[in-house]
Amino acid sequence: GKHSSRVGELKIGDIIKADAETFDPDNKIIWRLHADTPVGEKGNWMYAPVRGPKTAVPLNEALLKRVEDGVKFYKVNGKKGTIVRKEADMSSDKVQIIESGTVVSVVETTELDNGKVRYEIDEPVQGWVTS
């Protein structure tokens, strides 16, 4: 089937609003974007995500409240994951290692004396990580 051109890319944590759902000529589900979506503009269409680790999640009231409160969501990309520590200080106790590909929710950011930026997360575990 005939497909339109790419107009943007969504990142983890972006919120999309769709005001219509239909099928493209290849029978894949597509959504029409609402004007408040971070990329593109009203009337653009995007493919509905497939099931699996890269899927979108429905925005329920609790998640919307977290987003409105300024919580940001990021995916761990390091091959070996990232170390979560109890405090922002790099010498504080290790809590656990989070695997690469895990989505974390960042609730606070701070800069250490050495210029290193640390992020407080509360999901999937409470603690501090470095980007």
Foldseek 3Di string as FASTA:
>chain_A
DDDDDDFDDDDPQFDWDFDDWDADPVRFIKTQTDQPGPTDGGRDIDTQDDDDLVHDDDCDPVNVVCVVLPKGKDFFADQAAWWFAAEQDPPGHTDGGDHGGDIWIFDDWDADPVRFIKTATPPPHGGITGD
